[in-house]
Amino acid sequence: VSYRHLKRYKEIVRILLKYGFSIIVEKLNIEGVAYKIPITN
């Protein structure tokens, strides 16, 4: 990811996880973002 968009990437990942799209986050494997946000049901 581009570090200047890091904050936005985190927000996108958070919302995707919130609405149950964790499979997308796992498949994208966004370095520096996904692993910092726990995947919860």
ModelCIF file with pLDDT and N, C-alpha, C, O atoms, coordinates in Angstrom:
data_MODEL
#
_entry.id   MODEL 
#
_entity.id                         1 
_entity.type                       polymer 
_entity.pdbx_number_of_molecules   1 
#
_entity_poly.entity_id                      1 
_entity_poly.type                           'polypeptide(L)' 
_entity_poly.nstd_linkage                   no 
_entity_poly.nstd_monomer                   no 
_entity_poly.pdbx_seq_one_letter_code       VSYRHLKRYKEIVRILLKYGFSIIVEKLNIEGVAYKIPITN 
_entity_poly.pdbx_seq_one_letter_code_can   VSYRHLKRYKEIVRILLKYGFSIIVEKLNIEGVAYKIPITN 
_entity_poly.pdbx_strand_id                 A 
#
loop_
_entity_poly_seq.entity_id 
_entity_poly_seq.num 
_entity_poly_seq.mon_id 
_entity_poly_seq.hetero 
1 1  VAL n 
1 2  SER n 
1 3  TYR n 
1 4  ARG n 
1 5  HIS n 
1 6  LEU n 
1 7  LYS n 
1 8  ARG n 
1 9  TYR n 
1 10 LYS n 
1 11 GLU n 
1 12 ILE n 
1 13 VAL n 
1 14 ARG n 
1 15 ILE n 
1 16 LEU n 
1 17 LEU n 
1 18 LYS n 
1 19 TYR n 
1 20 GLY n 
1 21 PHE n 
1 22 SER n 
1 23 ILE n 
1 24 ILE n 
1 25 VAL n 
1 26 GLU n 
1 27 LYS n 
1 28 LEU n 
1 29 ASN n 
1 30 ILE n 
1 31 GLU n 
1 32 GLY n 
1 33 VAL n 
1 34 ALA n 
1 35 TYR n 
1 36 LYS n 
1 37 ILE n 
1 38 PRO n 
1 39 ILE n 
1 40 THR n 
1 41 ASN n 
#
_struct_asym.id          A 
_struct_asym.entity_id   1 
#
loop_
_ma_qa_metric.id 
_ma_qa_metric.mode 
_ma_qa_metric.name 
_ma_qa_metric.software_group_id 
_ma_qa_metric.type 
1 global pLDDT . pLDDT 
2 local  pLDDT . pLDDT 
#
_ma_qa_metric_global.metric_id      1 
_ma_qa_metric_global.metric_value   63.34 
_ma_qa_metric_global.model_id       1 
_ma_qa_metric_global.ordinal_id     1 
#
loop_
_ma_qa_metric_local.label_asym_id 
_ma_qa_metric_local.label_comp_id 
_ma_qa_metric_local.label_seq_id 
_ma_qa_metric_local.metric_id 
_ma_qa_metric_local.metric_value 
_ma_qa_metric_local.model_id 
_ma_qa_metric_local.ordinal_id 
A VAL 1  2 51.00 1 1  
A SER 2  2 54.00 1 2  
A TYR 3  2 52.00 1 3  
A ARG 4  2 60.00 1 4  
A HIS 5  2 65.00 1 5  
A LEU 6  2 70.00 1 6  
A LYS 7  2 76.00 1 7  
A ARG 8  2 76.00 1 8  
A TYR 9  2 76.00 1 9  
A LYS 10 2 79.00 1 10 
A GLU 11 2 81.00 1 11 
A ILE 12 2 80.00 1 12 
A VAL 13 2 79.00 1 13 
A ARG 14 2 82.00 1 14 
A ILE 15 2 82.00 1 15 
A LEU 16 2 78.00 1 16 
A LEU 17 2 79.00 1 17 
A LYS 18 2 81.00 1 18 
A TYR 19 2 78.00 1 19 
A GLY 20 2 74.00 1 20 
A PHE 21 2 70.00 1 21 
A SER 22 2 63.00 1 22 
A ILE 23 2 56.00 1 23 
A ILE 24 2 60.00 1 24 
A VAL 25 2 60.00 1 25 
A GLU 26 2 57.00 1 26 
A LYS 27 2 54.00 1 27 
A LEU 28 2 56.00 1 28 
A ASN 29 2 54.00 1 29 
A ILE 30 2 51.00 1 30 
A GLU 31 2 48.00 1 31 
A GLY 32 2 48.00 1 32 
A VAL 33 2 48.00 1 33 
A ALA 34 2 47.00 1 34 
A TYR 35 2 46.00 1 35 
A LYS 36 2 51.00 1 36 
A ILE 37 2 50.00 1 37 
A PRO 38 2 52.00 1 38 
A ILE 39 2 53.00 1 39 
A THR 40 2 57.00 1 40 
A ASN 41 2 63.00 1 41 
#
loop_
_atom_site.group_PDB 
_atom_site.id 
_atom_site.type_symbol 
_atom_site.label_atom_id 
_atom_site.label_alt_id 
_atom_site.label_comp_id 
_atom_site.label_asym_id 
_atom_site.label_entity_id 
_atom_site.label_seq_id 
_atom_site.pdbx_PDB_ins_code 
_atom_site.Cartn_x 
_atom_site.Cartn_y 
_atom_site.Cartn_z 
_atom_site.occupancy 
_atom_site.B_iso_or_equiv 
_atom_site.pdbx_formal_charge 
_atom_site.auth_seq_id 
_atom_site.auth_comp_id 
_atom_site.auth_asym_id 
_atom_site.auth_atom_id 
_atom_site.pdbx_PDB_model_num 
ATOM 1   N N  . VAL A 1 1  ? 0.830   -1.190  0.000  1.00 51.00 ? 1  VAL A N  1 
ATOM 2   C CA . VAL A 1 1  ? 0.000   0.000   0.000  1.00 51.00 ? 1  VAL A CA 1 
ATOM 3   C C  . VAL A 1 1  ? 0.863   1.237   0.000  1.00 51.00 ? 1  VAL A C  1 
ATOM 4   O O  . VAL A 1 1  ? 2.013   1.208   0.437  1.00 51.00 ? 1  VAL A O  1 
ATOM 5   N N  . SER A 1 2  ? 0.298   2.335   -0.496 1.00 54.00 ? 2  SER A N  1 
ATOM 6   C CA . SER A 1 2  ? 0.971   3.620   -0.438 1.00 54.00 ? 2  SER A CA 1 
ATOM 7   C C  . SER A 1 2  ? 0.788   4.184   0.975  1.00 54.00 ? 2  SER A C  1 
ATOM 8   O O  . SER A 1 2  ? -0.333  4.266   1.476  1.00 54.00 ? 2  SER A O  1 
ATOM 9   N N  . TYR A 1 3  ? 1.901   4.571   1.613  1.00 52.00 ? 3  TYR A N  1 
ATOM 10  C CA . TYR A 1 3  ? 1.827   5.018   3.007  1.00 52.00 ? 3  TYR A CA 1 
ATOM 11  C C  . TYR A 1 3  ? 1.022   6.304   3.156  1.00 52.00 ? 3  TYR A C  1 
ATOM 12  O O  . TYR A 1 3  ? 0.486   6.571   4.232  1.00 52.00 ? 3  TYR A O  1 
ATOM 13  N N  . ARG A 1 4  ? 0.925   7.111   2.087  1.00 60.00 ? 4  ARG A N  1 
ATOM 14  C CA . ARG A 1 4  ? 0.130   8.327   2.202  1.00 60.00 ? 4  ARG A CA 1 
ATOM 15  C C  . ARG A 1 4  ? -1.366  8.010   2.261  1.00 60.00 ? 4  ARG A C  1 
ATOM 16  O O  . ARG A 1 4  ? -2.170  8.865   2.633  1.00 60.00 ? 4  ARG A O  1 
ATOM 17  N N  . HIS A 1 5  ? -1.740  6.765   1.891  1.00 65.00 ? 5  HIS A N  1 
ATOM 18  C CA . HIS A 1 5  ? -3.145  6.351   1.985  1.00 65.00 ? 5  HIS A CA 1 
ATOM 19  C C  . HIS A 1 5  ? -3.361  5.344   3.118  1.00 65.00 ? 5  HIS A C  1 
ATOM 20  O O  . HIS A 1 5  ? -4.420  4.722   3.200  1.00 65.00 ? 5  HIS A O  1 
ATOM 21  N N  . LEU A 1 6  ? -2.366  5.183   3.987  1.00 70.00 ? 6  LEU A N  1 
ATOM 22  C CA . LEU A 1 6  ? -2.429  4.138   5.000  1.00 70.00 ? 6  LEU A CA 1 
ATOM 23  C C  . LEU A 1 6  ? -3.645  4.286   5.903  1.00 70.00 ? 6  LEU A C  1 
ATOM 24  O O  . LEU A 1 6  ? -4.307  3.302   6.231  1.00 70.00 ? 6  LEU A O  1 
ATOM 25  N N  . LYS A 1 7  ? -3.937  5.529   6.304  1.00 76.00 ? 7  LYS A N  1 
ATOM 26  C CA . LYS A 1 7  ? -5.085  5.775   7.182  1.00 76.00 ? 7  LYS A CA 1 
ATOM 27  C C  . LYS A 1 7  ? -6.385  5.347   6.496  1.00 76.00 ? 7  LYS A C  1 
ATOM 28  O O  . LYS A 1 7  ? -7.259  4.750   7.124  1.00 76.00 ? 7  LYS A O  1 
ATOM 29  N N  . ARG A 1 8  ? -6.501  5.658   5.201  1.00 76.00 ? 8  ARG A N  1 
ATOM 30  C CA . ARG A 1 8  ? -7.718  5.310   4.448  1.00 76.00 ? 8  ARG A CA 1 
ATOM 31  C C  . ARG A 1 8  ? -7.827  3.793   4.287  1.00 76.00 ? 8  ARG A C  1 
ATOM 32  O O  . ARG A 1 8  ? -8.919  3.234   4.390  1.00 76.00 ? 8  ARG A O  1 
ATOM 33  N N  . TYR A 1 9  ? -6.689  3.122   4.032  1.00 76.00 ? 9  TYR A N  1 
ATOM 34  C CA . TYR A 1 9  ? -6.703  1.664   3.932  1.00 76.00 ? 9  TYR A CA 1 
ATOM 35  C C  . TYR A 1 9  ? -7.222  1.044   5.227  1.00 76.00 ? 9  TYR A C  1 
ATOM 36  O O  . TYR A 1 9  ? -8.026  0.112   5.190  1.00 76.00 ? 9  TYR A O  1 
ATOM 37  N N  . LYS A 1 10 ? -6.771  1.553   6.364  1.00 79.00 ? 10 LYS A N  1 
ATOM 38  C CA . LYS A 1 10 ? -7.200  1.025   7.662  1.00 79.00 ? 10 LYS A CA 1 
ATOM 39  C C  . LYS A 1 10 ? -8.709  1.190   7.837  1.00 79.00 ? 10 LYS A C  1 
ATOM 40  O O  . LYS A 1 10 ? -9.395  0.304   8.346  1.00 79.00 ? 10 LYS A O  1 
ATOM 41  N N  . GLU A 1 11 ? -9.210  2.357   7.397  1.00 81.00 ? 11 GLU A N  1 
ATOM 42  C CA . GLU A 1 11 ? -10.641 2.624   7.520  1.00 81.00 ? 11 GLU A CA 1 
ATOM 43  C C  . GLU A 1 11 ? -11.448 1.655   6.648  1.00 81.00 ? 11 GLU A C  1 
ATOM 44  O O  . GLU A 1 11 ? -12.479 1.136   7.075  1.00 81.00 ? 11 GLU A O  1 
ATOM 45  N N  . ILE A 1 12 ? -10.963 1.418   5.413  1.00 80.00 ? 12 ILE A N  1 
ATOM 46  C CA . ILE A 1 12 ? -11.643 0.506   4.489  1.00 80.00 ? 12 ILE A CA 1 
ATOM 47  C C  . ILE A 1 12 ? -11.671 -0.908  5.066  1.00 80.00 ? 12 ILE A C  1 
ATOM 48  O O  . ILE A 1 12 ? -12.703 -1.580  5.044  1.00 80.00 ? 12 ILE A O  1 
ATOM 49  N N  . VAL A 1 13 ? -10.518 -1.351  5.584  1.00 79.00 ? 13 VAL A N  1 
ATOM 50  C CA . VAL A 1 13 ? -10.428 -2.693  6.165  1.00 79.00 ? 13 VAL A CA 1 
ATOM 51  C C  . VAL A 1 13 ? -11.359 -2.818  7.372  1.00 79.00 ? 13 VAL A C  1 
ATOM 52  O O  . VAL A 1 13 ? -12.038 -3.833  7.534  1.00 79.00 ? 13 VAL A O  1 
ATOM 53  N N  . ARG A 1 14 ? -11.388 -1.788  8.217  1.00 82.00 ? 14 ARG A N  1 
ATOM 54  C CA . ARG A 1 14 ? -12.251 -1.811  9.410  1.00 82.00 ? 14 ARG A CA 1 
ATOM 55  C C  . ARG A 1 14 ? -13.720 -1.974  9.029  1.00 82.00 ? 14 ARG A C  1 
ATOM 56  O O  . ARG A 1 14 ? -14.445 -2.765  9.632  1.00 82.00 ? 14 ARG A O  1 
ATOM 57  N N  . ILE A 1 15 ? -14.152 -1.209  8.010  1.00 82.00 ? 15 ILE A N  1 
ATOM 58  C CA . ILE A 1 15 ? -15.564 -1.260  7.593  1.00 82.00 ? 15 ILE A CA 1 
ATOM 59  C C  . ILE A 1 15 ? -15.895 -2.592  6.916  1.00 82.00 ? 15 ILE A C  1 
ATOM 60  O O  . ILE A 1 15 ? -16.977 -3.143  7.120  1.00 82.00 ? 15 ILE A O  1 
ATOM 61  N N  . LEU A 1 16 ? -14.952 -3.111  6.102  1.00 78.00 ? 16 LEU A N  1 
ATOM 62  C CA . LEU A 1 16 ? -15.173 -4.417  5.473  1.00 78.00 ? 16 LEU A CA 1 
ATOM 63  C C  . LEU A 1 16 ? -15.330 -5.508  6.528  1.00 78.00 ? 16 LEU A C  1 
ATOM 64  O O  . LEU A 1 16 ? -16.193 -6.377  6.411  1.00 78.00 ? 16 LEU A O  1 
ATOM 65  N N  . LEU A 1 17 ? -14.485 -5.454  7.561  1.00 79.00 ? 17 LEU A N  1 
ATOM 66  C CA . LEU A 1 17 ? -14.572 -6.443  8.630  1.00 79.00 ? 17 LEU A CA 1 
ATOM 67  C C  . LEU A 1 17 ? -15.870 -6.280  9.423  1.00 79.00 ? 17 LEU A C  1 
ATOM 68  O O  . LEU A 1 17 ? -16.496 -7.262  9.823  1.00 79.00 ? 17 LEU A O  1 
ATOM 69  N N  . LYS A 1 18 ? -16.258 -5.027  9.642  1.00 81.00 ? 18 LYS A N  1 
ATOM 70  C CA . LYS A 1 18 ? -17.473 -4.746  10.406 1.00 81.00 ? 18 LYS A CA 1 
ATOM 71  C C  . LYS A 1 18 ? -18.691 -5.393  9.765  1.00 81.00 ? 18 LYS A C  1 
ATOM 72  O O  . LYS A 1 18 ? -19.568 -5.905  10.462 1.00 81.00 ? 18 LYS A O  1 
ATOM 73  N N  . TYR A 1 19 ? -18.748 -5.370  8.422  1.00 78.00 ? 19 TYR A N  1 
ATOM 74  C CA . TYR A 1 19 ? -19.922 -5.895  7.721  1.00 78.00 ? 19 TYR A CA 1 
ATOM 75  C C  . TYR A 1 19 ? -19.712 -7.316  7.188  1.00 78.00 ? 19 TYR A C  1 
ATOM 76  O O  . TYR A 1 19 ? -20.409 -7.763  6.278  1.00 78.00 ? 19 TYR A O  1 
ATOM 77  N N  . GLY A 1 20 ? -18.738 -8.009  7.773  1.00 74.00 ? 20 GLY A N  1 
ATOM 78  C CA . GLY A 1 20 ? -18.599 -9.429  7.491  1.00 74.00 ? 20 GLY A CA 1 
ATOM 79  C C  . GLY A 1 20 ? -17.912 -9.780  6.192  1.00 74.00 ? 20 GLY A C  1 
ATOM 80  O O  . GLY A 1 20 ? -18.101 -10.882 5.675  1.00 74.00 ? 20 GLY A O  1 
ATOM 81  N N  . PHE A 1 21 ? -17.103 -8.852  5.641  1.00 70.00 ? 21 PHE A N  1 
ATOM 82  C CA . PHE A 1 21 ? -16.376 -9.142  4.404  1.00 70.00 ? 21 PHE A CA 1 
ATOM 83  C C  . PHE A 1 21 ? -14.917 -9.483  4.711  1.00 70.00 ? 21 PHE A C  1 
ATOM 84  O O  . PHE A 1 21 ? -14.010 -9.048  4.001  1.00 70.00 ? 21 PHE A O  1 
ATOM 85  N N  . SER A 1 22 ? -14.694 -10.268 5.778  1.00 63.00 ? 22 SER A N  1 
ATOM 86  C CA . SER A 1 22 ? -13.327 -10.609 6.193  1.00 63.00 ? 22 SER A CA 1 
ATOM 87  C C  . SER A 1 22 ? -12.595 -11.409 5.122  1.00 63.00 ? 22 SER A C  1 
ATOM 88  O O  . SER A 1 22 ? -11.373 -11.316 5.004  1.00 63.00 ? 22 SER A O  1 
ATOM 89  N N  . ILE A 1 23 ? -13.340 -12.200 4.336  1.00 56.00 ? 23 ILE A N  1 
ATOM 90  C CA . ILE A 1 23 ? -12.706 -13.006 3.288  1.00 56.00 ? 23 ILE A CA 1 
ATOM 91  C C  . ILE A 1 23 ? -11.986 -12.122 2.281  1.00 56.00 ? 23 ILE A C  1 
ATOM 92  O O  . ILE A 1 23 ? -10.932 -12.495 1.766  1.00 56.00 ? 23 ILE A O  1 
ATOM 93  N N  . ILE A 1 24 ? -12.559 -10.933 1.994  1.00 60.00 ? 24 ILE A N  1 
ATOM 94  C CA . ILE A 1 24 ? -11.931 -10.003 1.053  1.00 60.00 ? 24 ILE A CA 1 
ATOM 95  C C  . ILE A 1 24 ? -10.621 -9.491  1.635  1.00 60.00 ? 24 ILE A C  1 
ATOM 96  O O  . ILE A 1 24 ? -9.608  -9.421  0.940  1.00 60.00 ? 24 ILE A O  1 
ATOM 97  N N  . VAL A 1 25 ? -10.650 -9.127  2.943  1.00 60.00 ? 25 VAL A N  1 
ATOM 98  C CA . VAL A 1 25 ? -9.439  -8.622  3.602  1.00 60.00 ? 25 VAL A CA 1 
ATOM 99  C C  . VAL A 1 25 ? -8.352  -9.687  3.593  1.00 60.00 ? 25 VAL A C  1 
ATOM 100 O O  . VAL A 1 25 ? -7.187  -9.385  3.336  1.00 60.00 ? 25 VAL A O  1 
ATOM 101 N N  . GLU A 1 26 ? -8.728  -10.941 3.875  1.00 57.00 ? 26 GLU A N  1 
ATOM 102 C CA . GLU A 1 26 ? -7.751  -12.029 3.898  1.00 57.00 ? 26 GLU A CA 1 
ATOM 103 C C  . GLU A 1 26 ? -7.122  -12.242 2.525  1.00 57.00 ? 26 GLU A C  1 
ATOM 104 O O  . GLU A 1 26 ? -5.913  -12.441 2.406  1.00 57.00 ? 26 GLU A O  1 
ATOM 105 N N  . LYS A 1 27 ? -7.966  -12.198 1.484  1.00 54.00 ? 27 LYS A N  1 
ATOM 106 C CA . LYS A 1 27 ? -7.462  -12.443 0.132  1.00 54.00 ? 27 LYS A CA 1 
ATOM 107 C C  . LYS A 1 27 ? -6.595  -11.294 -0.361 1.00 54.00 ? 27 LYS A C  1 
ATOM 108 O O  . LYS A 1 27 ? -5.622  -11.513 -1.083 1.00 54.00 ? 27 LYS A O  1 
ATOM 109 N N  . LEU A 1 28 ? -6.947  -10.055 0.030  1.00 56.00 ? 28 LEU A N  1 
ATOM 110 C CA . LEU A 1 28 ? -6.158  -8.903  -0.410 1.00 56.00 ? 28 LEU A CA 1 
ATOM 111 C C  . LEU A 1 28 ? -4.799  -8.885  0.263  1.00 56.00 ? 28 LEU A C  1 
ATOM 112 O O  . LEU A 1 28 ? -3.814  -8.449  -0.334 1.00 56.00 ? 28 LEU A O  1 
ATOM 113 N N  . ASN A 1 29 ? -4.737  -9.362  1.521  1.00 54.00 ? 29 ASN A N  1 
ATOM 114 C CA . ASN A 1 29 ? -3.472  -9.406  2.261  1.00 54.00 ? 29 ASN A CA 1 
ATOM 115 C C  . ASN A 1 29 ? -2.756  -8.067  2.216  1.00 54.00 ? 29 ASN A C  1 
ATOM 116 O O  . ASN A 1 29 ? -1.616  -7.979  1.762  1.00 54.00 ? 29 ASN A O  1 
ATOM 117 N N  . ILE A 1 30 ? -3.432  -7.022  2.691  1.00 51.00 ? 30 ILE A N  1 
ATOM 118 C CA . ILE A 1 30 ? -2.875  -5.669  2.645  1.00 51.00 ? 30 ILE A CA 1 
ATOM 119 C C  . ILE A 1 30 ? -1.774  -5.530  3.694  1.00 51.00 ? 30 ILE A C  1 
ATOM 120 O O  . ILE A 1 30 ? -2.055  -5.498  4.892  1.00 51.00 ? 30 ILE A O  1 
ATOM 121 N N  . GLU A 1 31 ? -0.519  -5.448  3.244  1.00 48.00 ? 31 GLU A N  1 
ATOM 122 C CA . GLU A 1 31 ? 0.620   -5.375  4.151  1.00 48.00 ? 31 GLU A CA 1 
ATOM 123 C C  . GLU A 1 31 ? 0.565   -4.096  4.981  1.00 48.00 ? 31 GLU A C  1 
ATOM 124 O O  . GLU A 1 31 ? 0.273   -3.016  4.468  1.00 48.00 ? 31 GLU A O  1 
ATOM 125 N N  . GLY A 1 32 ? 0.844   -4.239  6.245  1.00 48.00 ? 32 GLY A N  1 
ATOM 126 C CA . GLY A 1 32 ? 0.907   -3.077  7.109  1.00 48.00 ? 32 GLY A CA 1 
ATOM 127 C C  . GLY A 1 32 ? -0.445  -2.616  7.605  1.00 48.00 ? 32 GLY A C  1 
ATOM 128 O O  . GLY A 1 32 ? -0.529  -1.654  8.369  1.00 48.00 ? 32 GLY A O  1 
ATOM 129 N N  . VAL A 1 33 ? -1.517  -3.293  7.181  1.00 48.00 ? 33 VAL A N  1 
ATOM 130 C CA . VAL A 1 33 ? -2.861  -2.856  7.572  1.00 48.00 ? 33 VAL A CA 1 
ATOM 131 C C  . VAL A 1 33 ? -3.653  -4.012  8.175  1.00 48.00 ? 33 VAL A C  1 
ATOM 132 O O  . VAL A 1 33 ? -4.067  -3.959  9.333  1.00 48.00 ? 33 VAL A O  1 
ATOM 133 N N  . ALA A 1 34 ? -3.859  -5.057  7.374  1.00 47.00 ? 34 ALA A N  1 
ATOM 134 C CA . ALA A 1 34 ? -4.778  -6.126  7.770  1.00 47.00 ? 34 ALA A CA 1 
ATOM 135 C C  . ALA A 1 34 ? -4.351  -6.812  9.059  1.00 47.00 ? 34 ALA A C  1 
ATOM 136 O O  . ALA A 1 34 ? -5.183  -7.105  9.918  1.00 47.00 ? 34 ALA A O  1 
ATOM 137 N N  . TYR A 1 35 ? -3.043  -7.070  9.194  1.00 46.00 ? 35 TYR A N  1 
ATOM 138 C CA . TYR A 1 35 ? -2.630  -7.837  10.358 1.00 46.00 ? 35 TYR A CA 1 
ATOM 139 C C  . TYR A 1 35 ? -2.740  -7.038  11.648 1.00 46.00 ? 35 TYR A C  1 
ATOM 140 O O  . TYR A 1 35 ? -2.703  -7.621  12.732 1.00 46.00 ? 35 TYR A O  1 
ATOM 141 N N  . LYS A 1 36 ? -2.872  -5.730  11.560 1.00 51.00 ? 36 LYS A N  1 
ATOM 142 C CA . LYS A 1 36 ? -2.996  -4.884  12.746 1.00 51.00 ? 36 LYS A CA 1 
ATOM 143 C C  . LYS A 1 36 ? -4.434  -4.795  13.247 1.00 51.00 ? 36 LYS A C  1 
ATOM 144 O O  . LYS A 1 36 ? -4.681  -4.345  14.366 1.00 51.00 ? 36 LYS A O  1 
ATOM 145 N N  . ILE A 1 37 ? -5.389  -5.230  12.407 1.00 50.00 ? 37 ILE A N  1 
ATOM 146 C CA . ILE A 1 37 ? -6.799  -5.148  12.781 1.00 50.00 ? 37 ILE A CA 1 
ATOM 147 C C  . ILE A 1 37 ? -7.323  -6.559  12.998 1.00 50.00 ? 37 ILE A C  1 
ATOM 148 O O  . ILE A 1 37 ? -7.378  -7.333  12.043 1.00 50.00 ? 37 ILE A O  1 
ATOM 149 N N  . PRO A 1 38 ? -7.708  -6.921  14.212 1.00 52.00 ? 38 PRO A N  1 
ATOM 150 C CA . PRO A 1 38 ? -8.173  -8.294  14.464 1.00 52.00 ? 38 PRO A CA 1 
ATOM 151 C C  . PRO A 1 38 ? -9.443  -8.609  13.685 1.00 52.00 ? 38 PRO A C  1 
ATOM 152 O O  . PRO A 1 38 ? -10.358 -7.790  13.601 1.00 52.00 ? 38 PRO A O  1 
ATOM 153 N N  . ILE A 1 39 ? -9.483  -9.803  13.121 1.00 53.00 ? 39 ILE A N  1 
ATOM 154 C CA . ILE A 1 39 ? -10.665 -10.244 12.367 1.00 53.00 ? 39 ILE A CA 1 
ATOM 155 C C  . ILE A 1 39 ? -11.658 -10.860 13.358 1.00 53.00 ? 39 ILE A C  1 
ATOM 156 O O  . ILE A 1 39 ? -11.409 -11.927 13.919 1.00 53.00 ? 39 ILE A O  1 
ATOM 157 N N  . THR A 1 40 ? -12.760 -10.188 13.560 1.00 57.00 ? 40 THR A N  1 
ATOM 158 C CA . THR A 1 40 ? -13.771 -10.639 14.510 1.00 57.00 ? 40 THR A CA 1 
ATOM 159 C C  . THR A 1 40 ? -15.083 -10.910 13.786 1.00 57.00 ? 40 THR A C  1 
ATOM 160 O O  . THR A 1 40 ? -15.323 -10.407 12.689 1.00 57.00 ? 40 THR A O  1 
ATOM 161 N N  . ASN A 1 41 ? -15.912 -11.703 14.414 1.00 63.00 ? 41 ASN A N  1 
ATOM 162 C CA . ASN A 1 41 ? -17.224 -11.987 13.833 1.00 63.00 ? 41 ASN A CA 1 
ATOM 163 C C  . ASN A 1 41 ? -18.131 -10.768 13.972 1.00 63.00 ? 41 ASN A C  1 
ATOM 164 O O  . ASN A 1 41 ? -19.284 -10.804 13.543 1.00 63.00 ? 41 ASN A O  1 
#
